Amino acid sequence: MLIVGIEGKQLAAHERARLLAPEVSGAILFTRNYESRGQLARLVASIRELRGDNFVLSVDHEGGPVQRFREGFTRLPPLARIGALYRRDRAAGIAMAEQHAIVMASEVRACDIDISFAPVVDLARGNRVIAERAFDPDPQIVAELAAGYVRGMRLAGMAATVKHYPGHGSVPEDTHLEAAIDPRPLSAIRESDLVPFVEGFAAGAEAVMVAHVTYPAVDALAAGYSKIWINGVLRGEMGYRGVVFSDDVGMAAAESAGGIGERVIAHLDAGCDLVLVCHPSMVDAAIESVRCRAPCAQEKIATLRGTVAPDWDSLSTDPQHARYVAALATLAAPETVRA
């Protein structure tokens, strides 16, 4: 039930033991794990050799400021550029969302990585960490573009993960660094932030990631620790049946539950299926905390495994891929990188 981070560009001996733990269902890769496509291929192969194809390999590869693999990959523009295009030309914006998703997903899948945690469907309403990662402030525009993005990812053989439920864009705080409190009532959130999630699920998104934001009018606990938000609203009211990911337990806003073990248990008890432990220094404590707990169901893990997986040679000779890359270049991604 854990998705864990690794330290460097190749597996250390102690990390092999961690990845073999039955409590670990997958790994998440970061910029620290990437040097080149060749190095990445060797790292992925070494992980597959340990755990095989039923092990989920993941990455945050959204584009714009959050793109973990740069050299050798298409530079993906931030989603805000797609939202701006939509406001000029609705059809072009929707097409660009699908093309962005196909390029992103096909290149990540060509490296035998199952999922990129995308798309962001938060509203662009001033949050410091979401910023240009979001399509637009308008929930209807975000919903339409999110649906297009999910369709594109699934066409490229990748499961989609809409995030950050129930909406991270309407508070200013960066949950990596501080607690975030959204005082609005559930009715206001239903009418705005939840709208893109509804459309993402309708388009077939296989997974959702829950925010470390607290909505005290709904529950005193942060959403990722809240049975009300996960089992009551998400699975009950919204009828969602896919995989629920926590956000990273190492973030500052996750500290309200206590130490690493307490955070992991709190997520699982609230209804999360898989918990992200991105900092390698936290992995051992996380594994120890869930010994003897029932694992995430294999049927759910299977929905996250990638399907279509063209290699890089196929992509380099695919005229459609080239057209989509050229289209994305017209939006020009920025140079900033989030570690």
C-alpha atoms as a PDB file:
ATOM      1  CA  MET A   1       0.000   0.000   0.000  1.00  0.00           C
ATOM      2  CA  LEU A   2       3.071   2.248  -0.217  1.00  0.00           C
ATOM      3  CA  ILE A   3       4.582   4.094  -3.187  1.00  0.00           C
ATOM      4  CA  VAL A   4       8.131   4.998  -2.164  1.00  0.00           C
ATOM      5  CA  GLY A   5      10.941   7.276  -3.313  1.00  0.00           C
ATOM      6  CA  ILE A   6      14.483   6.139  -4.037  1.00  0.00           C
ATOM      7  CA  GLU A   7      17.698   8.027  -3.455  1.00  0.00           C
ATOM      8  CA  GLY A   8      19.658   8.294  -6.668  1.00  0.00           C
ATOM      9  CA  LYS A   9      20.196   7.262 -10.244  1.00  0.00           C
ATOM     10  CA  GLN A  10      20.689   3.597  -9.458  1.00  0.00           C
ATOM     11  CA  LEU A  11      19.418   1.318  -6.715  1.00  0.00           C
ATOM     12  CA  ALA A  12      21.494   0.992  -3.562  1.00  0.00           C
ATOM     13  CA  ALA A  13      21.609  -2.403  -1.856  1.00  0.00           C
ATOM     14  CA  HIS A  14      19.388  -1.305   1.036  1.00  0.00           C
ATOM     15  CA  GLU A  15      16.841   0.065  -1.416  1.00  0.00           C
ATOM     16  CA  ARG A  16      16.511  -3.324  -3.063  1.00  0.00           C
ATOM     17  CA  ALA A  17      15.399  -4.715   0.282  1.00  0.00           C
ATOM     18  CA  ARG A  18      12.872  -1.889   0.673  1.00  0.00           C
ATOM     19  CA  LEU A  19      11.381  -2.467  -2.766  1.00  0.00           C
ATOM     20  CA  LEU A  20      11.043  -6.188  -2.055  1.00  0.00           C
ATOM     21  CA  ALA A  21       8.961  -5.509   1.059  1.00  0.00           C
ATOM     22  CA  PRO A  22       5.396  -6.794   0.473  1.00  0.00           C
ATOM     23  CA  GLU A  23       4.048  -3.520   1.871  1.00  0.00           C
ATOM     24  CA  VAL A  24       5.530  -1.626  -1.100  1.00  0.00           C
ATOM     25  CA  SER A  25       3.415  -1.551  -4.264  1.00  0.00           C
ATOM     26  CA  GLY A  26       5.456   0.879  -6.310  1.00  0.00           C
ATOM     27  CA  ALA A  27       8.089   3.591  -6.593  1.00  0.00           C
ATOM     28  CA  ILE A  28       7.996   7.268  -7.530  1.00  0.00           C
ATOM     29  CA  LEU A  29      10.847   8.893  -9.467  1.00  0.00           C
ATOM     30  CA  PHE A  30      12.113  12.472  -9.253  1.00  0.00           C
ATOM     31  CA  THR A  31      14.685  14.706 -10.919  1.00  0.00           C
ATOM     32  CA  ARG A  32      17.266  13.260  -8.520  1.00  0.00           C
ATOM     33  CA  ASN A  33      16.724   9.889 -10.211  1.00  0.00           C
ATOM     34  CA  TYR A  34      17.276  11.132 -13.770  1.00  0.00           C
ATOM     35  CA  GLU A  35      20.381  11.803 -15.837  1.00  0.00           C
ATOM     36  CA  SER A  36      19.499  10.543 -19.316  1.00  0.00           C
ATOM     37  CA  ARG A  37      17.051   8.224 -21.019  1.00  0.00           C
ATOM     38  CA  GLY A  38      19.673   5.489 -21.098  1.00  0.00           C
ATOM     39  CA  GLN A  39      20.327   5.787 -17.356  1.00  0.00           C
ATOM     40  CA  LEU A  40      16.568   5.868 -16.699  1.00  0.00           C
ATOM     41  CA  ALA A  41      16.087   2.699 -18.751  1.00  0.00           C
ATOM     42  CA  ARG A  42      18.690   0.905 -16.647  1.00  0.00           C
ATOM     43  CA  LEU A  43      17.123   2.088 -13.394  1.00  0.00           C
ATOM     44  CA  VAL A  44      13.637   1.037 -14.490  1.00  0.00           C
ATOM     45  CA  ALA A  45      14.926  -2.342 -15.684  1.00  0.00           C
ATOM     46  CA  SER A  46      16.617  -2.955 -12.331  1.00  0.00           C
ATOM     47  CA  ILE A  47      13.348  -2.256 -10.518  1.00  0.00           C
ATOM     48  CA  ARG A  48      11.357  -4.459 -12.880  1.00  0.00           C
ATOM     49  CA  GLU A  49      13.898  -7.239 -12.359  1.00  0.00           C
ATOM     50  CA  LEU A  50      13.158  -7.115  -8.627  1.00  0.00           C
ATOM     51  CA  ARG A  51       9.380  -6.800  -8.702  1.00  0.00           C
ATOM     52  CA  GLY A  52       8.150  -7.525 -12.207  1.00  0.00           C
ATOM     53  CA  ASP A  53       5.265  -5.931 -14.057  1.00  0.00           C
ATOM     54  CA  ASN A  54       2.801  -5.814 -11.155  1.00  0.00           C
ATOM     55  CA  PHE A  55       4.841  -3.061  -9.507  1.00  0.00           C
ATOM     56  CA  VAL A  56       3.716   0.509 -10.242  1.00  0.00           C
ATOM     57  CA  LEU A  57       6.372   2.959 -11.406  1.00  0.00           C
ATOM     58  CA  SER A  58       5.298   6.587 -11.224  1.00  0.00           C
ATOM     59  CA  VAL A  59       6.486  10.166 -11.660  1.00  0.00           C
ATOM     60  CA  ASP A  60       5.182  13.744 -11.482  1.00  0.00           C
ATOM     61  CA  HIS A  61       5.656  14.804 -15.100  1.00  0.00           C
ATOM     62  CA  GLU A  62       2.975  17.450 -15.606  1.00  0.00           C
ATOM     63  CA  GLY A  63       4.925  19.930 -17.686  1.00  0.00           C
ATOM     64  CA  GLY A  64       5.828  23.529 -16.944  1.00  0.00           C
ATOM     65  CA  PRO A  65       7.434  23.833 -13.500  1.00  0.00           C
ATOM     66  CA  VAL A  66       6.794  20.166 -12.631  1.00  0.00           C
ATOM     67  CA  GLN A  67       8.581  18.034 -15.212  1.00  0.00           C
ATOM     68  CA  ARG A  68      11.018  15.572 -13.642  1.00  0.00           C
ATOM     69  CA  PHE A  69      12.722  14.398 -16.841  1.00  0.00           C
ATOM     70  CA  ARG A  70      14.032  17.217 -19.039  1.00  0.00           C
ATOM     71  CA  GLU A  71      17.031  16.318 -21.212  1.00  0.00           C
ATOM     72  CA  GLY A  72      15.879  14.034 -24.018  1.00  0.00           C
ATOM     73  CA  PHE A  73      12.159  14.643 -23.410  1.00  0.00           C
ATOM     74  CA  THR A  74       9.765  17.113 -24.992  1.00  0.00           C
ATOM     75  CA  ARG A  75       9.598  20.299 -22.936  1.00  0.00           C
ATOM     76  CA  LEU A  76       5.963  20.446 -21.933  1.00  0.00           C
ATOM     77  CA  PRO A  77       4.274  23.831 -21.454  1.00  0.00           C
ATOM     78  CA  PRO A  78       2.348  24.457 -18.220  1.00  0.00           C
ATOM     79  CA  LEU A  79      -1.376  23.778 -18.283  1.00  0.00           C
ATOM     80  CA  ALA A  80      -2.129  27.484 -17.828  1.00  0.00           C
ATOM     81  CA  ARG A  81      -0.989  28.059 -21.428  1.00  0.00           C
ATOM     82  CA  ILE A  82      -3.649  25.612 -22.576  1.00  0.00           C
ATOM     83  CA  GLY A  83      -6.267  27.425 -20.542  1.00  0.00           C
ATOM     84  CA  ALA A  84      -5.247  30.725 -22.150  1.00  0.00           C
ATOM     85  CA  LEU A  85      -5.540  29.144 -25.600  1.00  0.00           C
ATOM     86  CA  TYR A  86      -9.015  27.824 -24.735  1.00  0.00           C
ATOM     87  CA  ARG A  87     -10.146  31.371 -23.927  1.00  0.00           C
ATOM     88  CA  ARG A  88      -9.058  32.443 -27.405  1.00  0.00           C
ATOM     89  CA  ASP A  89     -10.284  29.343 -29.232  1.00  0.00           C
ATOM     90  CA  ARG A  90     -12.283  26.688 -27.342  1.00  0.00           C
ATOM     91  CA  ALA A  91     -11.780  23.878 -29.866  1.00  0.00           C
ATOM     92  CA  ALA A  92      -8.049  24.565 -30.153  1.00  0.00           C
ATOM     93  CA  GLY A  93      -7.696  24.522 -26.359  1.00  0.00           C
ATOM     94  CA  ILE A  94      -9.420  21.151 -26.020  1.00  0.00           C
ATOM     95  CA  ALA A  95      -7.328  19.700 -28.852  1.00  0.00           C
ATOM     96  CA  MET A  96      -4.153  21.026 -27.240  1.00  0.00           C
ATOM     97  CA  ALA A  97      -5.075  19.443 -23.900  1.00  0.00           C
ATOM     98  CA  GLU A  98      -5.425  16.059 -25.586  1.00  0.00           C
ATOM     99  CA  GLN A  99      -2.175  16.507 -27.526  1.00  0.00           C
ATOM    100  CA  HIS A 100      -0.243  17.587 -24.423  1.00  0.00           C
ATOM    101  CA  ALA A 101      -1.522  14.498 -22.626  1.00  0.00           C
ATOM    102  CA  ILE A 102      -0.633  12.160 -25.481  1.00  0.00           C
ATOM    103  CA  VAL A 103       2.916  13.516 -25.798  1.00  0.00           C
ATOM    104  CA  MET A 104       3.504  13.419 -22.045  1.00  0.00           C
ATOM    105  CA  ALA A 105       2.055   9.961 -21.540  1.00  0.00           C
ATOM    106  CA  SER A 106       3.585   8.337 -24.621  1.00  0.00           C
ATOM    107  CA  GLU A 107       7.091   9.530 -23.724  1.00  0.00           C
ATOM    108  CA  VAL A 108       6.793   8.403 -20.102  1.00  0.00           C
ATOM    109  CA  ARG A 109       5.315   5.065 -21.177  1.00  0.00           C
ATOM    110  CA  ALA A 110       8.181   4.606 -23.667  1.00  0.00           C
ATOM    111  CA  CYS A 111      10.418   4.418 -20.574  1.00  0.00           C
ATOM    112  CA  ASP A 112       8.228   1.651 -19.042  1.00  0.00           C
ATOM    113  CA  ILE A 113       6.935   3.986 -16.346  1.00  0.00           C
ATOM    114  CA  ASP A 114       3.280   3.328 -15.676  1.00  0.00           C
ATOM    115  CA  ILE A 115       1.824   6.639 -14.571  1.00  0.00           C
ATOM    116  CA  SER A 116       2.503  10.315 -14.329  1.00  0.00           C
ATOM    117  CA  PHE A 117       0.365  11.901 -11.620  1.00  0.00           C
ATOM    118  CA  ALA A 118      -1.637  14.122 -13.948  1.00  0.00           C
ATOM    119  CA  PRO A 119      -3.632  16.150 -14.708  1.00  0.00           C
ATOM    120  CA  VAL A 120      -3.874  18.912 -12.133  1.00  0.00           C
ATOM    121  CA  VAL A 121      -7.565  19.889 -12.061  1.00  0.00           C
ATOM    122  CA  ASP A 122      -7.317  22.477  -9.296  1.00  0.00           C
ATOM    123  CA  LEU A 123      -8.646  25.940 -10.042  1.00  0.00           C
ATOM    124  CA  ALA A 124      -6.110  28.691 -10.784  1.00  0.00           C
ATOM    125  CA  ARG A 125      -7.223  30.973  -7.978  1.00  0.00           C
ATOM    126  CA  GLY A 126      -3.978  32.178  -6.482  1.00  0.00           C
ATOM    127  CA  ASN A 127      -2.415  29.163  -4.790  1.00  0.00           C
ATOM    128  CA  ARG A 128       1.355  29.590  -4.605  1.00  0.00           C
ATOM    129  CA  VAL A 129       2.281  26.009  -5.488  1.00  0.00           C
ATOM    130  CA  ILE A 130      -0.484  25.362  -8.034  1.00  0.00           C
ATOM    131  CA  ALA A 131      -0.105  28.630  -9.976  1.00  0.00           C
ATOM    132  CA  GLU A 132       0.434  27.898 -13.705  1.00  0.00           C
ATOM    133  CA  ARG A 133       0.073  24.175 -13.111  1.00  0.00           C
ATOM    134  CA  ALA A 134      -3.699  24.753 -13.291  1.00  0.00           C
ATOM    135  CA  PHE A 135      -5.645  25.321 -16.497  1.00  0.00           C
ATOM    136  CA  ASP A 136      -7.873  28.231 -15.463  1.00  0.00           C
ATOM    137  CA  PRO A 137      -9.858  29.813 -12.595  1.00  0.00           C
ATOM    138  CA  ASP A 138     -13.223  28.848 -14.157  1.00  0.00           C
ATOM    139  CA  PRO A 139     -14.402  25.380 -13.034  1.00  0.00           C
ATOM    140  CA  GLN A 140     -16.313  24.744 -16.261  1.00  0.00           C
ATOM    141  CA  ILE A 141     -13.246  25.478 -18.394  1.00  0.00           C
ATOM    142  CA  VAL A 142     -11.048  23.334 -16.157  1.00  0.00           C
ATOM    143  CA  ALA A 143     -13.616  20.527 -16.316  1.00  0.00           C
ATOM    144  CA  GLU A 144     -13.699  20.530 -20.110  1.00  0.00           C
ATOM    145  CA  LEU A 145      -9.921  20.639 -20.456  1.00  0.00           C
ATOM    146  CA  ALA A 146      -9.461  18.000 -17.742  1.00  0.00           C
ATOM    147  CA  ALA A 147     -11.778  15.644 -19.595  1.00  0.00           C
ATOM    148  CA  GLY A 148      -9.769  16.182 -22.796  1.00  0.00           C
ATOM    149  CA  TYR A 149      -6.513  15.593 -20.938  1.00  0.00           C
ATOM    150  CA  VAL A 150      -7.794  12.355 -19.396  1.00  0.00           C
ATOM    151  CA  ARG A 151      -8.901  11.151 -22.826  1.00  0.00           C
ATOM    152  CA  GLY A 152      -5.451  11.876 -24.247  1.00  0.00           C
ATOM    153  CA  MET A 153      -3.640  10.044 -21.453  1.00  0.00           C
ATOM    154  CA  ARG A 154      -5.828   6.996 -21.829  1.00  0.00           C
ATOM    155  CA  LEU A 155      -5.332   6.982 -25.616  1.00  0.00           C
ATOM    156  CA  ALA A 156      -1.587   6.863 -24.946  1.00  0.00           C
ATOM    157  CA  GLY A 157      -1.964   3.882 -22.614  1.00  0.00           C
ATOM    158  CA  MET A 158      -1.634   5.652 -19.261  1.00  0.00           C
ATOM    159  CA  ALA A 159      -4.042   5.773 -16.335  1.00  0.00           C
ATOM    160  CA  ALA A 160      -5.033   9.316 -15.348  1.00  0.00           C
ATOM    161  CA  THR A 161      -4.798  10.712 -11.810  1.00  0.00           C
ATOM    162  CA  VAL A 162      -6.854  13.847 -11.195  1.00  0.00           C
ATOM    163  CA  LYS A 163      -5.507  16.005  -8.374  1.00  0.00           C
ATOM    164  CA  HIS A 164      -5.662  17.483  -5.758  1.00  0.00           C
ATOM    165  CA  TYR A 165      -9.105  16.446  -4.445  1.00  0.00           C
ATOM    166  CA  PRO A 166     -11.285  18.187  -3.354  1.00  0.00           C
ATOM    167  CA  GLY A 167      -9.438  21.251  -4.672  1.00  0.00           C
ATOM    168  CA  HIS A 168      -6.152  22.921  -3.726  1.00  0.00           C
ATOM    169  CA  GLY A 169      -6.373  26.020  -5.894  1.00  0.00           C
ATOM    170  CA  SER A 170      -8.565  28.239  -3.747  1.00  0.00           C
ATOM    171  CA  VAL A 171      -6.198  28.659  -0.773  1.00  0.00           C
ATOM    172  CA  PRO A 172      -2.856  30.528  -0.974  1.00  0.00           C
ATOM    173  CA  GLU A 173      -0.670  28.187   1.115  1.00  0.00           C
ATOM    174  CA  ASP A 174       1.891  25.738  -0.296  1.00  0.00           C
ATOM    175  CA  THR A 175       1.217  22.470   1.558  1.00  0.00           C
ATOM    176  CA  HIS A 176       4.823  21.385   1.001  1.00  0.00           C
ATOM    177  CA  LEU A 177       5.802  24.127   3.464  1.00  0.00           C
ATOM    178  CA  GLU A 178       2.809  24.955   5.670  1.00  0.00           C
ATOM    179  CA  ALA A 179      -0.698  23.981   6.718  1.00  0.00           C
ATOM    180  CA  ALA A 180      -3.515  25.091   4.421  1.00  0.00           C
ATOM    181  CA  ILE A 181      -7.025  25.925   5.643  1.00  0.00           C
ATOM    182  CA  ASP A 182     -10.014  26.447   3.336  1.00  0.00           C
ATOM    183  CA  PRO A 183     -12.976  27.786   5.365  1.00  0.00           C
ATOM    184  CA  ARG A 184     -15.664  27.428   2.690  1.00  0.00           C
ATOM    185  CA  PRO A 185     -18.722  25.224   3.192  1.00  0.00           C
ATOM    186  CA  LEU A 186     -19.177  22.008   1.232  1.00  0.00           C
ATOM    187  CA  SER A 187     -21.893  23.619  -0.901  1.00  0.00           C
ATOM    188  CA  ALA A 188     -19.419  26.215  -2.233  1.00  0.00           C
ATOM    189  CA  ILE A 189     -16.807  23.561  -2.981  1.00  0.00           C
ATOM    190  CA  ARG A 190     -19.381  21.392  -4.768  1.00  0.00           C
ATOM    191  CA  GLU A 191     -20.281  24.293  -7.048  1.00  0.00           C
ATOM    192  CA  SER A 192     -16.687  25.109  -7.975  1.00  0.00           C
ATOM    193  CA  ASP A 193     -13.665  22.950  -7.099  1.00  0.00           C
ATOM    194  CA  LEU A 194     -15.430  19.580  -7.376  1.00  0.00           C
ATOM    195  CA  VAL A 195     -16.773  20.254 -10.877  1.00  0.00           C
ATOM    196  CA  PRO A 196     -13.533  19.275 -12.725  1.00  0.00           C
ATOM    197  CA  PHE A 197     -13.243  16.090 -10.657  1.00  0.00           C
ATOM    198  CA  VAL A 198     -16.743  15.036 -11.695  1.00  0.00           C
ATOM    199  CA  GLU A 199     -15.808  15.503 -15.362  1.00  0.00           C
ATOM    200  CA  GLY A 200     -12.460  13.775 -14.940  1.00  0.00           C
ATOM    201  CA  PHE A 201     -14.154  10.734 -13.448  1.00  0.00           C
ATOM    202  CA  ALA A 202     -16.759  10.749 -16.214  1.00  0.00           C
ATOM    203  CA  ALA A 203     -13.921  10.746 -18.773  1.00  0.00           C
ATOM    204  CA  GLY A 204     -12.521   7.599 -17.138  1.00  0.00           C
ATOM    205  CA  ALA A 205      -9.803   8.776 -14.725  1.00  0.00           C
ATOM    206  CA  GLU A 206      -8.581   5.693 -12.894  1.00  0.00           C
ATOM    207  CA  ALA A 207      -7.135   7.491  -9.861  1.00  0.00           C
ATOM    208  CA  VAL A 208      -7.416  10.585  -7.703  1.00  0.00           C
ATOM    209  CA  MET A 209      -4.891  12.222  -5.369  1.00  0.00           C
ATOM    210  CA  VAL A 210      -6.141  13.811  -2.158  1.00  0.00           C
ATOM    211  CA  ALA A 211      -4.873  17.192  -0.959  1.00  0.00           C
ATOM    212  CA  HIS A 212      -3.297  17.924   2.432  1.00  0.00           C
ATOM    213  CA  VAL A 213      -5.748  20.811   2.790  1.00  0.00           C
ATOM    214  CA  THR A 214      -8.133  21.128   5.748  1.00  0.00           C
ATOM    215  CA  TYR A 215     -11.732  22.246   5.191  1.00  0.00           C
ATOM    216  CA  PRO A 216     -12.984  22.828   8.766  1.00  0.00           C
ATOM    217  CA  ALA A 217     -16.584  23.466   7.705  1.00  0.00           C
ATOM    218  CA  VAL A 218     -16.615  19.840   6.500  1.00  0.00           C
ATOM    219  CA  ASP A 219     -14.112  18.057   8.790  1.00  0.00           C
ATOM    220  CA  ALA A 220     -11.451  19.097  11.288  1.00  0.00           C
ATOM    221  CA  LEU A 221      -9.054  16.634   9.640  1.00  0.00           C
ATOM    222  CA  ALA A 222      -7.132  17.333   6.437  1.00  0.00           C
ATOM    223  CA  ALA A 223      -8.834  15.786   3.405  1.00  0.00           C
ATOM    224  CA  GLY A 224      -6.325  12.935   3.114  1.00  0.00           C
ATOM    225  CA  TYR A 225      -7.081  11.914   6.703  1.00  0.00           C
ATOM    226  CA  SER A 226     -10.838  12.428   6.409  1.00  0.00           C
ATOM    227  CA  LYS A 227     -13.366   9.616   6.104  1.00  0.00           C
ATOM    228  CA  ILE A 228     -15.949  12.281   5.346  1.00  0.00           C
ATOM    229  CA  TRP A 229     -14.086  13.501   2.268  1.00  0.00           C
ATOM    230  CA  ILE A 230     -12.920  10.083   1.020  1.00  0.00           C
ATOM    231  CA  ASN A 231     -15.674   7.640   1.951  1.00  0.00           C
ATOM    232  CA  GLY A 232     -18.546  10.066   2.412  1.00  0.00           C
ATOM    233  CA  VAL A 233     -18.243  12.570  -0.425  1.00  0.00           C
ATOM    234  CA  LEU A 234     -15.871  10.915  -2.921  1.00  0.00           C
ATOM    235  CA  ARG A 235     -16.999   7.289  -2.784  1.00  0.00           C
ATOM    236  CA  GLY A 236     -20.488   7.888  -1.441  1.00  0.00           C
ATOM    237  CA  GLU A 237     -21.930  11.062  -2.924  1.00  0.00           C
ATOM    238  CA  MET A 238     -19.790  11.099  -6.087  1.00  0.00           C
ATOM    239  CA  GLY A 239     -19.838   7.327  -6.622  1.00  0.00           C
ATOM    240  CA  TYR A 240     -16.114   7.111  -7.333  1.00  0.00           C
ATOM    241  CA  ARG A 241     -14.721   3.548  -7.452  1.00  0.00           C
ATOM    242  CA  GLY A 242     -11.104   4.040  -8.559  1.00  0.00           C
ATOM    243  CA  VAL A 243      -7.780   4.266  -6.737  1.00  0.00           C
ATOM    244  CA  VAL A 244      -7.274   6.925  -4.065  1.00  0.00           C
ATOM    245  CA  PHE A 245      -3.706   8.192  -3.572  1.00  0.00           C
ATOM    246  CA  SER A 246      -2.544  10.276  -0.658  1.00  0.00           C
ATOM    247  CA  ASP A 247      -0.253  13.175  -1.380  1.00  0.00           C
ATOM    248  CA  ASP A 248       3.309  12.886  -0.048  1.00  0.00           C
ATOM    249  CA  VAL A 249       3.401  12.169   3.706  1.00  0.00           C
ATOM    250  CA  GLY A 250       6.620  14.203   3.947  1.00  0.00           C
ATOM    251  CA  MET A 251       4.892  17.513   3.231  1.00  0.00           C
ATOM    252  CA  ALA A 252       4.586  20.007   6.068  1.00  0.00           C
ATOM    253  CA  ALA A 253       0.792  20.051   5.910  1.00  0.00           C
ATOM    254  CA  ALA A 254       0.770  16.279   6.545  1.00  0.00           C
ATOM    255  CA  GLU A 255       2.352  16.692   9.975  1.00  0.00           C
ATOM    256  CA  SER A 256      -1.003  17.170  11.724  1.00  0.00           C
ATOM    257  CA  ALA A 257      -1.357  13.384  12.049  1.00  0.00           C
ATOM    258  CA  GLY A 258       1.951  12.936  13.911  1.00  0.00           C
ATOM    259  CA  GLY A 259       5.052  11.018  12.855  1.00  0.00           C
ATOM    260  CA  ILE A 260       5.565   9.171   9.575  1.00  0.00           C
ATOM    261  CA  GLY A 261       3.941   5.958  10.750  1.00  0.00           C
ATOM    262  CA  GLU A 262       0.951   7.814  12.159  1.00  0.00           C
ATOM    263  CA  ARG A 263       0.516   9.723   8.915  1.00  0.00           C
ATOM    264  CA  VAL A 264       0.542   6.542   6.833  1.00  0.00           C
ATOM    265  CA  ILE A 265      -1.955   4.803   9.110  1.00  0.00           C
ATOM    266  CA  ALA A 266      -4.218   7.872   9.192  1.00  0.00           C
ATOM    267  CA  HIS A 267      -4.355   7.947   5.377  1.00  0.00           C
ATOM    268  CA  LEU A 268      -5.162   4.252   5.139  1.00  0.00           C
ATOM    269  CA  ASP A 269      -7.773   4.393   7.902  1.00  0.00           C
ATOM    270  CA  ALA A 270      -9.471   7.308   6.126  1.00  0.00           C
ATOM    271  CA  GLY A 271      -9.815   5.279   2.925  1.00  0.00           C
ATOM    272  CA  CYS A 272      -6.682   5.933   0.841  1.00  0.00           C
ATOM    273  CA  ASP A 273      -5.589   2.900  -1.165  1.00  0.00           C
ATOM    274  CA  LEU A 274      -1.973   3.921  -1.751  1.00  0.00           C
ATOM    275  CA  VAL A 275       0.214   6.283   0.270  1.00  0.00           C
ATOM    276  CA  LEU A 276       3.081   8.298  -1.218  1.00  0.00           C
ATOM    277  CA  VAL A 277       6.323   8.253   0.793  1.00  0.00           C
ATOM    278  CA  CYS A 278       8.561  10.337  -1.446  1.00  0.00           C
ATOM    279  CA  HIS A 279      11.500  10.946   0.902  1.00  0.00           C
ATOM    280  CA  PRO A 280      13.769   7.871   1.063  1.00  0.00           C
ATOM    281  CA  SER A 281      14.647   8.674   4.688  1.00  0.00           C
ATOM    282  CA  MET A 282      10.997   8.071   5.645  1.00  0.00           C
ATOM    283  CA  VAL A 283      10.499   4.762   3.852  1.00  0.00           C
ATOM    284  CA  ASP A 284      11.680   2.380   6.584  1.00  0.00           C
ATOM    285  CA  ALA A 285       9.374   3.942   9.187  1.00  0.00           C
ATOM    286  CA  ALA A 286       6.472   3.814   6.739  1.00  0.00           C
ATOM    287  CA  ILE A 287       7.047   0.137   5.970  1.00  0.00           C
ATOM    288  CA  GLU A 288       7.281  -0.749   9.654  1.00  0.00           C
ATOM    289  CA  SER A 289       4.022   1.069  10.397  1.00  0.00           C
ATOM    290  CA  VAL A 290       1.984  -1.107   8.031  1.00  0.00           C
ATOM    291  CA  ARG A 291       3.366  -4.545   8.790  1.00  0.00           C
ATOM    292  CA  CYS A 292       0.513  -7.088   8.944  1.00  0.00           C
ATOM    293  CA  ARG A 293      -2.024  -4.721   7.341  1.00  0.00           C
ATOM    294  CA  ALA A 294      -3.987  -5.965   4.357  1.00  0.00           C
ATOM    295  CA  PRO A 295      -2.356  -4.774   1.109  1.00  0.00           C
ATOM    296  CA  CYS A 296      -4.006  -2.750  -1.613  1.00  0.00           C
ATOM    297  CA  ALA A 297      -6.115  -5.075  -3.766  1.00  0.00           C
ATOM    298  CA  GLN A 298      -4.246  -6.355  -6.819  1.00  0.00           C
ATOM    299  CA  GLU A 299      -7.252  -5.525  -8.985  1.00  0.00           C
ATOM    300  CA  LYS A 300      -6.786  -1.864  -8.126  1.00  0.00           C
ATOM    301  CA  ILE A 301      -3.026  -2.001  -8.717  1.00  0.00           C
ATOM    302  CA  ALA A 302      -3.722  -3.545 -12.124  1.00  0.00           C
ATOM    303  CA  THR A 303      -5.768  -0.517 -13.210  1.00  0.00           C
ATOM    304  CA  LEU A 304      -2.657   1.654 -12.828  1.00  0.00           C
ATOM    305  CA  ARG A 305      -0.363  -0.426 -14.996  1.00  0.00           C
ATOM    306  CA  GLY A 306       0.313   1.089 -18.393  1.00  0.00           C
ATOM    307  CA  THR A 307      -0.892  -0.600 -21.564  1.00  0.00           C
ATOM    308  CA  VAL A 308       0.392   0.785 -24.862  1.00  0.00           C
ATOM    309  CA  ALA A 309       4.166   1.247 -24.670  1.00  0.00           C
ATOM    310  CA  PRO A 310       5.870   2.380 -27.887  1.00  0.00           C
ATOM    311  CA  ASP A 311       9.650   2.640 -27.663  1.00  0.00           C
ATOM    312  CA  TRP A 312      11.601   5.802 -28.440  1.00  0.00           C
ATOM    313  CA  ASP A 313      12.443   4.653 -31.935  1.00  0.00           C
ATOM    314  CA  SER A 314       8.742   4.321 -32.674  1.00  0.00           C
ATOM    315  CA  LEU A 315       8.008   7.762 -31.265  1.00  0.00           C
ATOM    316  CA  SER A 316      10.839   9.384 -33.225  1.00  0.00           C
ATOM    317  CA  THR A 317       9.397   8.110 -36.513  1.00  0.00           C
ATOM    318  CA  ASP A 318       5.734   8.741 -35.690  1.00  0.00           C
ATOM    319  CA  PRO A 319       4.489  11.746 -37.712  1.00  0.00           C
ATOM    320  CA  GLN A 320       1.554  12.299 -35.357  1.00  0.00           C
ATOM    321  CA  HIS A 321       3.898  12.553 -32.370  1.00  0.00           C
ATOM    322  CA  ALA A 322       6.010  15.062 -34.300  1.00  0.00           C
ATOM    323  CA  ARG A 323       2.930  17.155 -35.125  1.00  0.00           C
ATOM    324  CA  TYR A 324       1.836  17.206 -31.497  1.00  0.00           C
ATOM    325  CA  VAL A 325       5.319  18.157 -30.295  1.00  0.00           C
ATOM    326  CA  ALA A 326       5.397  21.004 -32.817  1.00  0.00           C
ATOM    327  CA  ALA A 327       1.994  22.209 -31.623  1.00  0.00           C
ATOM    328  CA  LEU A 328       3.139  22.221 -27.989  1.00  0.00           C
ATOM    329  CA  ALA A 329       6.246  24.205 -28.931  1.00  0.00           C
ATOM    330  CA  THR A 330       4.014  27.104 -29.937  1.00  0.00           C
ATOM    331  CA  LEU A 331       3.037  27.477 -26.269  1.00  0.00           C
ATOM    332  CA  ALA A 332       6.682  27.619 -25.047  1.00  0.00           C
ATOM    333  CA  ALA A 333       7.252  26.051 -21.606  1.00  0.00           C
ATOM    334  CA  PRO A 334       9.122  28.129 -18.982  1.00  0.00           C
ATOM    335  CA  GLU A 335      12.542  27.238 -17.654  1.00  0.00           C
ATOM    336  CA  THR A 336      11.738  26.970 -13.936  1.00  0.00           C
ATOM    337  CA  VAL A 337      12.015  23.563 -12.298  1.00  0.00           C
ATOM    338  CA  ARG A 338      10.378  22.311  -9.109  1.00  0.00           C
ATOM    339  CA  ALA A 339      12.608  19.734  -7.377  1.00  0.00           C
END
